[in-house]
Amino acid sequence: MPLTEHTPSTPDPRFLLDPFEPAYLAPHRTGELANRAAAGLRELENCCACPRNCRINRLANETRVCNTGRYARVASVFPHFGEEDCLRGWRGSGTIFFSLCNLRCVFCQNWDISQKAVGQEYTDGQLAALMLELQDLGCHNINFVTPEHVAPQVIEAIAAAVPRGLRLLIVYNTSAYDSLSSLKLLDGLIDIYMPDFKFWERETARRLCKAKDYPDRAREAILEMHRQVGPLKFGPDGLARRGVLVRHLVMPGQLDEAAAIFRWLAAEVSPDTYVNIMAQYRPEYQVGSVAPDGKAKYTDIERRPQPNEITRAYDAARNAGLWRFDERWLV
């Protein structure tokens, strides 16, 4: 069956949310949404929008780790049919891919976007127009991809789009390298948080994404996301409406870290956490490239995960007590 005709499965009645309206409408009605947009801009003035805490004035177009100044840079915008079933539905997830990133993952499959200033800068009004265009195309949601470094601009764009008629729910699609201050500004504005949880060990994070504090910040972020929206809930049509959906990319040779992540999710977040255990890792970007000393780099991850590694990752998640999965990768 073509993806455009795909219909999600019937939701578990324990996780049914009906009726529903996008989260941002309540703060819009009280005027709080405009206050959040203003507070987000203050984060940029002495930038603490992400855990890098560069403390530069991005309102004056100063840049550092994320190489992004006052305005968010957008690489592409389109209805995406490759997302989770409960997001793509039959009309697609309205994705807005931001360029640049606050991480330096050596295996990034989107490195041409995440590590380069492709696309163009957009003001809040221009971002709002993109959101409304996706709504007019019939997309089920607005899906902000790699928004960690532009969370203030995301808030500003939502505030600009709602008075112009935006009524789609918002998906915050993130690496989980988010600051608590930005997430608290997003509280009550985001319907679905979709964080990755990449690594459990600080040394692995230091080596592979150049941020040794990534596991600590990811745990803080996911706990805050769950506090705000809880476990993933669905509408009668099977589409996700509100909650947290955690992604974990299975990496070759890292099953122990995956198991630790799953145990933490079940014990510290909720055994009802909805998890997508993903199998699409492939060697990309710097993996296998030759260093100045003539040796290949990151050879321990220079292969795709084996089918039994995917199966064992699902087994580890179940053994941890998790039970709600996107099972498209299960072999």
C-alpha atoms as a PDB file:
ATOM      1  CA  MET A   1       0.000   0.000   0.000  1.00  0.00           C
ATOM      2  CA  PRO A   2       1.469   3.430  -0.889  1.00  0.00           C
ATOM      3  CA  LEU A   3       2.532   5.551   2.054  1.00  0.00           C
ATOM      4  CA  THR A   4       0.056   8.265   1.080  1.00  0.00           C
ATOM      5  CA  GLU A   5      -2.754   5.803   1.695  1.00  0.00           C
ATOM      6  CA  HIS A   6      -1.413   4.591   5.005  1.00  0.00           C
ATOM      7  CA  THR A   7      -3.783   4.574   7.942  1.00  0.00           C
ATOM      8  CA  PRO A   8      -2.388   4.245  11.506  1.00  0.00           C
ATOM      9  CA  SER A   9      -3.627   1.427  13.707  1.00  0.00           C
ATOM     10  CA  THR A  10      -6.515   1.849  16.146  1.00  0.00           C
ATOM     11  CA  PRO A  11      -5.212   3.461  19.350  1.00  0.00           C
ATOM     12  CA  ASP A  12      -5.181   1.757  22.727  1.00  0.00           C
ATOM     13  CA  PRO A  13      -8.143   3.268  24.653  1.00  0.00           C
ATOM     14  CA  ARG A  14      -5.862   3.870  27.639  1.00  0.00           C
ATOM     15  CA  PHE A  15      -3.942   6.385  25.531  1.00  0.00           C
ATOM     16  CA  LEU A  16      -6.794   8.033  23.660  1.00  0.00           C
ATOM     17  CA  LEU A  17      -7.037  11.830  23.647  1.00  0.00           C
ATOM     18  CA  ASP A  18     -10.348  13.155  22.373  1.00  0.00           C
ATOM     19  CA  PRO A  19     -11.376  15.961  22.023  1.00  0.00           C
ATOM     20  CA  PHE A  20      -8.180  17.795  21.189  1.00  0.00           C
ATOM     21  CA  GLU A  21      -6.850  21.236  20.343  1.00  0.00           C
ATOM     22  CA  PRO A  22      -3.233  22.295  19.797  1.00  0.00           C
ATOM     23  CA  ALA A  23      -1.483  23.186  23.030  1.00  0.00           C
ATOM     24  CA  TYR A  24      -0.491  26.711  21.959  1.00  0.00           C
ATOM     25  CA  LEU A  25      -4.084  27.948  21.636  1.00  0.00           C
ATOM     26  CA  ALA A  26      -4.596  28.328  25.394  1.00  0.00           C
ATOM     27  CA  PRO A  27      -1.526  30.561  25.940  1.00  0.00           C
ATOM     28  CA  HIS A  28      -2.435  32.468  22.783  1.00  0.00           C
ATOM     29  CA  ARG A  29      -5.842  33.317  24.226  1.00  0.00           C
ATOM     30  CA  THR A  30      -4.311  34.641  27.461  1.00  0.00           C
ATOM     31  CA  GLY A  31      -1.472  36.574  25.812  1.00  0.00           C
ATOM     32  CA  GLU A  32       1.169  34.276  27.325  1.00  0.00           C
ATOM     33  CA  LEU A  33       2.343  33.115  23.891  1.00  0.00           C
ATOM     34  CA  ALA A  34       3.562  36.624  23.045  1.00  0.00           C
ATOM     35  CA  ASN A  35       5.325  36.801  26.427  1.00  0.00           C
ATOM     36  CA  ARG A  36       7.141  33.529  25.684  1.00  0.00           C
ATOM     37  CA  ALA A  37       8.305  34.847  22.319  1.00  0.00           C
ATOM     38  CA  ALA A  38       9.771  37.917  24.004  1.00  0.00           C
ATOM     39  CA  ALA A  39      11.466  35.775  26.667  1.00  0.00           C
ATOM     40  CA  GLY A  40      12.951  33.564  23.966  1.00  0.00           C
ATOM     41  CA  LEU A  41      14.565  36.534  22.297  1.00  0.00           C
ATOM     42  CA  ARG A  42      16.143  37.491  25.620  1.00  0.00           C
ATOM     43  CA  GLU A  43      17.811  34.053  25.622  1.00  0.00           C
ATOM     44  CA  LEU A  44      19.488  34.969  22.338  1.00  0.00           C
ATOM     45  CA  GLU A  45      20.897  38.228  23.674  1.00  0.00           C
ATOM     46  CA  ASN A  46      23.296  36.307  25.944  1.00  0.00           C
ATOM     47  CA  CYS A  47      22.783  32.965  24.295  1.00  0.00           C
ATOM     48  CA  CYS A  48      21.783  30.099  26.558  1.00  0.00           C
ATOM     49  CA  ALA A  49      19.306  28.592  24.101  1.00  0.00           C
ATOM     50  CA  CYS A  50      21.075  25.216  24.225  1.00  0.00           C
ATOM     51  CA  PRO A  51      23.517  23.459  26.583  1.00  0.00           C
ATOM     52  CA  ARG A  52      26.544  24.963  24.810  1.00  0.00           C
ATOM     53  CA  ASN A  53      25.812  28.236  26.676  1.00  0.00           C
ATOM     54  CA  CYS A  54      27.936  30.290  24.287  1.00  0.00           C
ATOM     55  CA  ARG A  55      26.835  33.570  25.957  1.00  0.00           C
ATOM     56  CA  ILE A  56      27.096  35.570  22.748  1.00  0.00           C
ATOM     57  CA  ASN A  57      24.648  38.155  21.422  1.00  0.00           C
ATOM     58  CA  ARG A  58      22.886  36.359  18.604  1.00  0.00           C
ATOM     59  CA  LEU A  59      20.481  39.276  18.229  1.00  0.00           C
ATOM     60  CA  ALA A  60      23.536  41.125  16.880  1.00  0.00           C
ATOM     61  CA  ASN A  61      24.301  38.147  14.608  1.00  0.00           C
ATOM     62  CA  GLU A  62      27.215  36.913  16.682  1.00  0.00           C
ATOM     63  CA  THR A  63      27.770  33.172  16.136  1.00  0.00           C
ATOM     64  CA  ARG A  64      29.697  30.364  17.770  1.00  0.00           C
ATOM     65  CA  VAL A  65      29.035  26.616  17.998  1.00  0.00           C
ATOM     66  CA  CYS A  66      25.761  26.427  16.051  1.00  0.00           C
ATOM     67  CA  ASN A  67      26.875  29.079  13.543  1.00  0.00           C
ATOM     68  CA  THR A  68      23.387  30.606  13.680  1.00  0.00           C
ATOM     69  CA  GLY A  69      22.719  34.245  14.455  1.00  0.00           C
ATOM     70  CA  ARG A  70      19.469  36.156  14.808  1.00  0.00           C
ATOM     71  CA  TYR A  71      17.401  34.150  12.339  1.00  0.00           C
ATOM     72  CA  ALA A  72      16.876  30.426  11.885  1.00  0.00           C
ATOM     73  CA  ARG A  73      18.191  28.933   8.662  1.00  0.00           C
ATOM     74  CA  VAL A  74      15.887  26.477   6.871  1.00  0.00           C
ATOM     75  CA  ALA A  75      17.248  23.772   4.568  1.00  0.00           C
ATOM     76  CA  SER A  76      13.972  22.283   3.301  1.00  0.00           C
ATOM     77  CA  VAL A  77      10.212  22.227   3.843  1.00  0.00           C
ATOM     78  CA  PHE A  78       7.866  19.473   2.669  1.00  0.00           C
ATOM     79  CA  PRO A  79       5.232  16.893   3.657  1.00  0.00           C
ATOM     80  CA  HIS A  80       7.334  13.999   4.979  1.00  0.00           C
ATOM     81  CA  PHE A  81       6.114  10.426   4.517  1.00  0.00           C
ATOM     82  CA  GLY A  82       9.119   8.747   6.136  1.00  0.00           C
ATOM     83  CA  GLU A  83       8.284   9.567   9.750  1.00  0.00           C
ATOM     84  CA  GLU A  84       6.557   7.312  12.284  1.00  0.00           C
ATOM     85  CA  ASP A  85       3.156   6.016  11.168  1.00  0.00           C
ATOM     86  CA  CYS A  86       1.380   8.013  13.851  1.00  0.00           C
ATOM     87  CA  LEU A  87       2.915  11.252  12.546  1.00  0.00           C
ATOM     88  CA  ARG A  88       2.917  10.830   8.771  1.00  0.00           C
ATOM     89  CA  GLY A  89      -0.619   9.420   8.558  1.00  0.00           C
ATOM     90  CA  TRP A  90      -1.958   9.623   5.016  1.00  0.00           C
ATOM     91  CA  ARG A  91      -1.115  13.280   4.228  1.00  0.00           C
ATOM     92  CA  GLY A  92       2.389  13.529   5.640  1.00  0.00           C
ATOM     93  CA  SER A  93       4.139  15.288   8.503  1.00  0.00           C
ATOM     94  CA  GLY A  94       4.861  18.932   7.670  1.00  0.00           C
ATOM     95  CA  THR A  95       8.595  19.037   8.217  1.00  0.00           C
ATOM     96  CA  ILE A  96      10.724  22.147   8.490  1.00  0.00           C
ATOM     97  CA  PHE A  97      14.386  21.089   8.481  1.00  0.00           C
ATOM     98  CA  PHE A  98      16.663  23.618  10.151  1.00  0.00           C
ATOM     99  CA  SER A  99      20.241  23.875   8.955  1.00  0.00           C
ATOM    100  CA  LEU A 100      23.198  23.591  11.310  1.00  0.00           C
ATOM    101  CA  CYS A 101      23.266  21.842  14.676  1.00  0.00           C
ATOM    102  CA  ASN A 102      24.684  22.160  18.161  1.00  0.00           C
ATOM    103  CA  LEU A 103      26.148  18.624  17.977  1.00  0.00           C
ATOM    104  CA  ARG A 104      28.985  17.283  15.830  1.00  0.00           C
ATOM    105  CA  CYS A 105      27.933  13.674  15.271  1.00  0.00           C
ATOM    106  CA  VAL A 106      30.679  12.029  13.227  1.00  0.00           C
ATOM    107  CA  PHE A 107      28.158   9.626  11.652  1.00  0.00           C
ATOM    108  CA  CYS A 108      25.434  12.152  10.793  1.00  0.00           C
ATOM    109  CA  GLN A 109      23.398  11.046   7.778  1.00  0.00           C
ATOM    110  CA  ASN A 110      22.282  14.643   7.246  1.00  0.00           C
ATOM    111  CA  TRP A 111      25.715  16.198   7.659  1.00  0.00           C
ATOM    112  CA  ASP A 112      25.270  18.261   4.497  1.00  0.00           C
ATOM    113  CA  ILE A 113      22.482  20.083   6.370  1.00  0.00           C
ATOM    114  CA  SER A 114      23.554  19.796   9.997  1.00  0.00           C
ATOM    115  CA  GLN A 115      27.134  20.959   9.447  1.00  0.00           C
ATOM    116  CA  LYS A 116      26.664  23.436   6.595  1.00  0.00           C
ATOM    117  CA  ALA A 117      24.805  26.716   6.270  1.00  0.00           C
ATOM    118  CA  VAL A 118      22.546  25.584   3.433  1.00  0.00           C
ATOM    119  CA  GLY A 119      19.163  27.088   2.630  1.00  0.00           C
ATOM    120  CA  GLN A 120      18.238  30.585   3.731  1.00  0.00           C
ATOM    121  CA  GLU A 121      17.437  32.571   6.837  1.00  0.00           C
ATOM    122  CA  TYR A 122      13.796  33.159   7.718  1.00  0.00           C
ATOM    123  CA  THR A 123      12.199  35.784   9.911  1.00  0.00           C
ATOM    124  CA  ASP A 124       9.392  34.809  12.271  1.00  0.00           C
ATOM    125  CA  GLY A 125       6.805  35.968   9.741  1.00  0.00           C
ATOM    126  CA  GLN A 126       8.424  33.972   6.958  1.00  0.00           C
ATOM    127  CA  LEU A 127       8.581  30.851   9.143  1.00  0.00           C
ATOM    128  CA  ALA A 128       4.919  31.379   9.989  1.00  0.00           C
ATOM    129  CA  ALA A 129       4.141  31.475   6.262  1.00  0.00           C
ATOM    130  CA  LEU A 130       5.924  28.135   5.779  1.00  0.00           C
ATOM    131  CA  MET A 131       3.829  26.604   8.565  1.00  0.00           C
ATOM    132  CA  LEU A 132       0.623  27.865   7.005  1.00  0.00           C
ATOM    133  CA  GLU A 133       1.641  26.525   3.591  1.00  0.00           C
ATOM    134  CA  LEU A 134       2.139  23.068   5.094  1.00  0.00           C
ATOM    135  CA  GLN A 135      -1.260  23.361   6.744  1.00  0.00           C
ATOM    136  CA  ASP A 136      -2.809  24.286   3.393  1.00  0.00           C
ATOM    137  CA  LEU A 137      -1.203  21.182   1.849  1.00  0.00           C
ATOM    138  CA  GLY A 138      -3.129  19.052   4.341  1.00  0.00           C
ATOM    139  CA  CYS A 139      -0.237  17.935   6.558  1.00  0.00           C
ATOM    140  CA  HIS A 140      -1.231  16.459   9.916  1.00  0.00           C
ATOM    141  CA  ASN A 141       1.296  18.448  11.966  1.00  0.00           C
ATOM    142  CA  ILE A 142       4.206  20.884  11.877  1.00  0.00           C
ATOM    143  CA  ASN A 143       7.430  18.985  12.505  1.00  0.00           C
ATOM    144  CA  PHE A 144      10.418  21.135  13.509  1.00  0.00           C
ATOM    145  CA  VAL A 145      13.575  19.093  12.833  1.00  0.00           C
ATOM    146  CA  THR A 146      16.824  19.973  14.662  1.00  0.00           C
ATOM    147  CA  PRO A 147      15.353  22.935  16.548  1.00  0.00           C
ATOM    148  CA  GLU A 148      17.593  22.835  19.644  1.00  0.00           C
ATOM    149  CA  HIS A 149      19.664  25.874  18.679  1.00  0.00           C
ATOM    150  CA  VAL A 150      16.693  27.868  17.385  1.00  0.00           C
ATOM    151  CA  ALA A 151      14.082  27.196  20.076  1.00  0.00           C
ATOM    152  CA  PRO A 152      13.536  30.961  20.596  1.00  0.00           C
ATOM    153  CA  GLN A 153      12.917  31.423  16.869  1.00  0.00           C
ATOM    154  CA  VAL A 154      10.474  28.484  16.912  1.00  0.00           C
ATOM    155  CA  ILE A 155       8.472  30.157  19.689  1.00  0.00           C
ATOM    156  CA  GLU A 156       8.547  33.462  17.832  1.00  0.00           C
ATOM    157  CA  ALA A 157       7.273  31.758  14.651  1.00  0.00           C
ATOM    158  CA  ILE A 158       4.436  29.969  16.461  1.00  0.00           C
ATOM    159  CA  ALA A 159       3.379  33.281  17.984  1.00  0.00           C
ATOM    160  CA  ALA A 160       3.336  34.824  14.501  1.00  0.00           C
ATOM    161  CA  ALA A 161       1.463  31.926  12.868  1.00  0.00           C
ATOM    162  CA  VAL A 162      -1.399  31.396  15.321  1.00  0.00           C
ATOM    163  CA  PRO A 163      -3.146  34.746  14.723  1.00  0.00           C
ATOM    164  CA  ARG A 164      -2.909  33.985  10.988  1.00  0.00           C
ATOM    165  CA  GLY A 165      -4.827  30.739  11.379  1.00  0.00           C
ATOM    166  CA  LEU A 166      -2.374  27.992  12.344  1.00  0.00           C
ATOM    167  CA  ARG A 167      -4.237  25.086  13.932  1.00  0.00           C
ATOM    168  CA  LEU A 168      -1.911  22.098  13.411  1.00  0.00           C
ATOM    169  CA  LEU A 169      -0.227  20.444  16.366  1.00  0.00           C
ATOM    170  CA  ILE A 170       3.517  21.018  16.831  1.00  0.00           C
ATOM    171  CA  VAL A 171       6.163  18.268  16.842  1.00  0.00           C
ATOM    172  CA  TYR A 172       9.536  19.161  18.378  1.00  0.00           C
ATOM    173  CA  ASN A 173      11.951  16.712  16.699  1.00  0.00           C
ATOM    174  CA  THR A 174      15.223  16.956  18.598  1.00  0.00           C
ATOM    175  CA  SER A 175      18.524  15.302  19.481  1.00  0.00           C
ATOM    176  CA  ALA A 176      17.598  15.980  23.149  1.00  0.00           C
ATOM    177  CA  TYR A 177      20.644  18.232  23.518  1.00  0.00           C
ATOM    178  CA  ASP A 178      18.269  20.940  24.707  1.00  0.00           C
ATOM    179  CA  SER A 179      18.554  23.417  27.544  1.00  0.00           C
ATOM    180  CA  LEU A 180      16.037  23.294  30.370  1.00  0.00           C
ATOM    181  CA  SER A 181      15.493  27.036  30.052  1.00  0.00           C
ATOM    182  CA  SER A 182      14.374  26.693  26.420  1.00  0.00           C
ATOM    183  CA  LEU A 183      12.185  23.693  27.199  1.00  0.00           C
ATOM    184  CA  LYS A 184      10.443  25.608  29.973  1.00  0.00           C
ATOM    185  CA  LEU A 185       9.696  28.406  27.522  1.00  0.00           C
ATOM    186  CA  LEU A 186       8.168  25.758  25.243  1.00  0.00           C
ATOM    187  CA  ASP A 187       5.962  24.389  28.037  1.00  0.00           C
ATOM    188  CA  GLY A 188       2.354  24.538  26.902  1.00  0.00           C
ATOM    189  CA  LEU A 189       3.296  25.272  23.279  1.00  0.00           C
ATOM    190  CA  ILE A 190       4.480  21.844  22.077  1.00  0.00           C
ATOM    191  CA  ASP A 191       2.136  18.913  21.565  1.00  0.00           C
ATOM    192  CA  ILE A 192       4.624  16.134  20.762  1.00  0.00           C
ATOM    193  CA  TYR A 193       8.234  15.970  21.819  1.00  0.00           C
ATOM    194  CA  MET A 194      10.275  13.528  19.741  1.00  0.00           C
ATOM    195  CA  PRO A 195      13.766  13.344  21.276  1.00  0.00           C
ATOM    196  CA  ASP A 196      16.590  11.034  20.336  1.00  0.00           C
ATOM    197  CA  PHE A 197      18.512   9.335  23.105  1.00  0.00           C
ATOM    198  CA  LYS A 198      21.773   8.500  21.378  1.00  0.00           C
ATOM    199  CA  PHE A 199      24.350   7.460  23.978  1.00  0.00           C
ATOM    200  CA  TRP A 200      24.445   6.494  27.627  1.00  0.00           C
ATOM    201  CA  GLU A 201      28.185   6.877  28.291  1.00  0.00           C
ATOM    202  CA  ARG A 202      29.835  10.288  28.464  1.00  0.00           C
ATOM    203  CA  GLU A 203      32.984   9.032  26.750  1.00  0.00           C
ATOM    204  CA  THR A 204      30.973   7.674  23.817  1.00  0.00           C
ATOM    205  CA  ALA A 205      29.208  11.026  23.501  1.00  0.00           C
ATOM    206  CA  ARG A 206      32.486  12.923  23.672  1.00  0.00           C
ATOM    207  CA  ARG A 207      33.980  10.807  20.916  1.00  0.00           C
ATOM    208  CA  LEU A 208      31.014  10.506  18.570  1.00  0.00           C
ATOM    209  CA  CYS A 209      29.047  13.752  18.969  1.00  0.00           C
ATOM    210  CA  LYS A 210      31.678  16.006  20.587  1.00  0.00           C
ATOM    211  CA  ALA A 211      29.562  16.727  23.653  1.00  0.00           C
ATOM    212  CA  LYS A 212      30.537  14.691  26.702  1.00  0.00           C
ATOM    213  CA  ASP A 213      27.602  16.069  28.697  1.00  0.00           C
ATOM    214  CA  TYR A 214      25.089  14.821  26.106  1.00  0.00           C
ATOM    215  CA  PRO A 215      23.786  11.880  28.229  1.00  0.00           C
ATOM    216  CA  ASP A 216      23.231  14.155  31.230  1.00  0.00           C
ATOM    217  CA  ARG A 217      21.482  16.844  29.219  1.00  0.00           C
ATOM    218  CA  ALA A 218      19.366  14.267  27.356  1.00  0.00           C
ATOM    219  CA  ARG A 219      18.138  12.753  30.632  1.00  0.00           C
ATOM    220  CA  GLU A 220      17.241  16.198  31.986  1.00  0.00           C
ATOM    221  CA  ALA A 221      15.508  17.153  28.745  1.00  0.00           C
ATOM    222  CA  ILE A 222      13.440  13.982  28.399  1.00  0.00           C
ATOM    223  CA  LEU A 223      12.291  14.176  32.011  1.00  0.00           C
ATOM    224  CA  GLU A 224      11.186  17.773  31.441  1.00  0.00           C
ATOM    225  CA  MET A 225       9.436  16.863  28.186  1.00  0.00           C
ATOM    226  CA  HIS A 226       7.557  14.054  29.928  1.00  0.00           C
ATOM    227  CA  ARG A 227       6.611  16.371  32.780  1.00  0.00           C
ATOM    228  CA  GLN A 228       5.043  18.721  30.262  1.00  0.00           C
ATOM    229  CA  VAL A 229       3.131  16.326  27.985  1.00  0.00           C
ATOM    230  CA  GLY A 230       3.279  12.803  29.484  1.00  0.00           C
ATOM    231  CA  PRO A 231       3.237   9.520  27.536  1.00  0.00           C
ATOM    232  CA  LEU A 232       2.188   9.573  23.901  1.00  0.00           C
ATOM    233  CA  LYS A 233      -1.568   9.710  23.305  1.00  0.00           C
ATOM    234  CA  PHE A 234      -3.579   9.357  20.117  1.00  0.00           C
ATOM    235  CA  GLY A 235      -6.771  10.541  18.504  1.00  0.00           C
ATOM    236  CA  PRO A 236      -9.516   8.188  17.282  1.00  0.00           C
ATOM    237  CA  ASP A 237      -7.881   8.260  13.826  1.00  0.00           C
ATOM    238  CA  GLY A 238      -4.678   6.691  15.200  1.00  0.00           C
ATOM    239  CA  LEU A 239      -2.605   9.844  14.795  1.00  0.00           C
ATOM    240  CA  ALA A 240      -0.447  11.040  17.691  1.00  0.00           C
ATOM    241  CA  ARG A 241      -1.933  13.998  19.545  1.00  0.00           C
ATOM    242  CA  ARG A 242       0.248  14.710  22.573  1.00  0.00           C
ATOM    243  CA  GLY A 243       3.135  13.221  24.511  1.00  0.00           C
ATOM    244  CA  VAL A 244       6.724  12.027  24.226  1.00  0.00           C
ATOM    245  CA  LEU A 245       7.998   9.680  21.519  1.00  0.00           C
ATOM    246  CA  VAL A 246      11.632   8.643  22.097  1.00  0.00           C
ATOM    247  CA  ARG A 247      13.865   7.524  19.240  1.00  0.00           C
ATOM    248  CA  HIS A 248      16.949   5.383  19.685  1.00  0.00           C
ATOM    249  CA  LEU A 249      19.225   4.623  16.744  1.00  0.00           C
ATOM    250  CA  VAL A 250      20.807   1.187  17.137  1.00  0.00           C
ATOM    251  CA  MET A 251      24.568   1.600  16.698  1.00  0.00           C
ATOM    252  CA  PRO A 252      26.925  -1.295  15.942  1.00  0.00           C
ATOM    253  CA  GLY A 253      28.458  -2.718  19.100  1.00  0.00           C
ATOM    254  CA  GLN A 254      26.555  -0.466  21.513  1.00  0.00           C
ATOM    255  CA  LEU A 255      23.821  -2.750  22.824  1.00  0.00           C
ATOM    256  CA  ASP A 256      24.921  -2.262  26.433  1.00  0.00           C
ATOM    257  CA  GLU A 257      24.319   1.484  26.087  1.00  0.00           C
ATOM    258  CA  ALA A 258      20.940   0.869  24.457  1.00  0.00           C
ATOM    259  CA  ALA A 259      19.925  -1.414  27.320  1.00  0.00           C
ATOM    260  CA  ALA A 260      20.954   1.221  29.870  1.00  0.00           C
ATOM    261  CA  ILE A 261      18.876   3.844  28.055  1.00  0.00           C
ATOM    262  CA  PHE A 262      15.830   1.564  28.006  1.00  0.00           C
ATOM    263  CA  ARG A 263      16.168   0.725  31.703  1.00  0.00           C
ATOM    264  CA  TRP A 264      16.329   4.423  32.538  1.00  0.00           C
ATOM    265  CA  LEU A 265      13.298   5.245  30.388  1.00  0.00           C
ATOM    266  CA  ALA A 266      11.221   2.519  32.032  1.00  0.00           C
ATOM    267  CA  ALA A 267      12.312   3.267  35.592  1.00  0.00           C
ATOM    268  CA  GLU A 268      12.732   7.058  35.631  1.00  0.00           C
ATOM    269  CA  VAL A 269      10.381   8.325  32.919  1.00  0.00           C
ATOM    270  CA  SER A 270       7.572   5.788  32.454  1.00  0.00           C
ATOM    271  CA  PRO A 271       7.184   2.151  31.336  1.00  0.00           C
ATOM    272  CA  ASP A 272       4.488   3.600  29.037  1.00  0.00           C
ATOM    273  CA  THR A 273       7.085   5.591  27.079  1.00  0.00           C
ATOM    274  CA  TYR A 274       6.554   5.107  23.341  1.00  0.00           C
ATOM    275  CA  VAL A 275       9.863   4.176  21.699  1.00  0.00           C
ATOM    276  CA  ASN A 276      11.037   3.901  18.111  1.00  0.00           C
ATOM    277  CA  ILE A 277      14.055   1.595  17.992  1.00  0.00           C
ATOM    278  CA  MET A 278      15.600   2.490  14.637  1.00  0.00           C
ATOM    279  CA  ALA A 279      17.751   0.305  12.396  1.00  0.00           C
ATOM    280  CA  GLN A 280      18.721   2.673   9.602  1.00  0.00           C
ATOM    281  CA  TYR A 281      22.255   3.456  10.801  1.00  0.00           C
ATOM    282  CA  ARG A 282      24.861   3.344   8.068  1.00  0.00           C
ATOM    283  CA  PRO A 283      28.455   4.625   7.993  1.00  0.00           C
ATOM    284  CA  GLU A 284      28.365   8.258   6.864  1.00  0.00           C
ATOM    285  CA  TYR A 285      30.208  11.560   7.088  1.00  0.00           C
ATOM    286  CA  GLN A 286      33.513  11.051   8.916  1.00  0.00           C
ATOM    287  CA  VAL A 287      33.150   7.332   9.625  1.00  0.00           C
ATOM    288  CA  GLY A 288      35.896   5.461   7.784  1.00  0.00           C
ATOM    289  CA  SER A 289      37.548   8.604   6.441  1.00  0.00           C
ATOM    290  CA  VAL A 290      41.312   8.823   6.658  1.00  0.00           C
ATOM    291  CA  ALA A 291      42.881  10.910   9.402  1.00  0.00           C
ATOM    292  CA  PRO A 292      46.115  12.931   8.921  1.00  0.00           C
ATOM    293  CA  ASP A 293      48.072  10.007  10.361  1.00  0.00           C
ATOM    294  CA  GLY A 294      46.826   7.817   7.501  1.00  0.00           C
ATOM    295  CA  LYS A 295      44.518   5.687   9.660  1.00  0.00           C
ATOM    296  CA  ALA A 296      40.791   5.269   9.105  1.00  0.00           C
ATOM    297  CA  LYS A 297      38.592   6.982  11.697  1.00  0.00           C
ATOM    298  CA  TYR A 298      35.801   5.485  13.807  1.00  0.00           C
ATOM    299  CA  THR A 299      36.268   1.984  12.396  1.00  0.00           C
ATOM    300  CA  ASP A 300      34.291   0.462  15.289  1.00  0.00           C
ATOM    301  CA  ILE A 301      31.094   1.876  13.756  1.00  0.00           C
ATOM    302  CA  GLU A 302      32.059   1.354  10.121  1.00  0.00           C
ATOM    303  CA  ARG A 303      29.273  -1.132   9.456  1.00  0.00           C
ATOM    304  CA  ARG A 304      25.511  -1.374   9.594  1.00  0.00           C
ATOM    305  CA  PRO A 305      23.914  -3.025  12.641  1.00  0.00           C
ATOM    306  CA  GLN A 306      23.285  -6.722  12.144  1.00  0.00           C
ATOM    307  CA  PRO A 307      19.718  -8.079  12.202  1.00  0.00           C
ATOM    308  CA  ASN A 308      20.351  -9.864  15.495  1.00  0.00           C
ATOM    309  CA  GLU A 309      21.470  -6.559  17.037  1.00  0.00           C
ATOM    310  CA  ILE A 310      18.119  -5.017  16.163  1.00  0.00           C
ATOM    311  CA  THR A 311      16.256  -7.995  17.623  1.00  0.00           C
ATOM    312  CA  ARG A 312      18.378  -7.879  20.775  1.00  0.00           C
ATOM    313  CA  ALA A 313      17.707  -4.151  21.154  1.00  0.00           C
ATOM    314  CA  TYR A 314      13.960  -4.802  21.135  1.00  0.00           C
ATOM    315  CA  ASP A 315      14.489  -7.637  23.630  1.00  0.00           C
ATOM    316  CA  ALA A 316      16.456  -5.276  25.885  1.00  0.00           C
ATOM    317  CA  ALA A 317      13.651  -2.718  25.762  1.00  0.00           C
ATOM    318  CA  ARG A 318      11.043  -5.321  26.679  1.00  0.00           C
ATOM    319  CA  ASN A 319      13.239  -6.724  29.446  1.00  0.00           C
ATOM    320  CA  ALA A 320      13.512  -3.194  30.838  1.00  0.00           C
ATOM    321  CA  GLY A 321       9.717  -3.015  31.077  1.00  0.00           C
ATOM    322  CA  LEU A 322       8.937  -0.935  27.983  1.00  0.00           C
ATOM    323  CA  TRP A 323       6.104  -2.193  25.785  1.00  0.00           C
ATOM    324  CA  ARG A 324       4.972   0.559  23.408  1.00  0.00           C
ATOM    325  CA  PHE A 325       6.989   0.440  20.171  1.00  0.00           C
ATOM    326  CA  ASP A 326       7.056   1.506  16.563  1.00  0.00           C
ATOM    327  CA  GLU A 327       7.981  -1.952  15.208  1.00  0.00           C
ATOM    328  CA  ARG A 328       8.761  -1.195  11.576  1.00  0.00           C
ATOM    329  CA  TRP A 329      12.401  -2.175  12.088  1.00  0.00           C
ATOM    330  CA  LEU A 330      11.759  -5.446  13.901  1.00  0.00           C
ATOM    331  CA  VAL A 331      13.121  -8.415  11.932  1.00  0.00           C
END
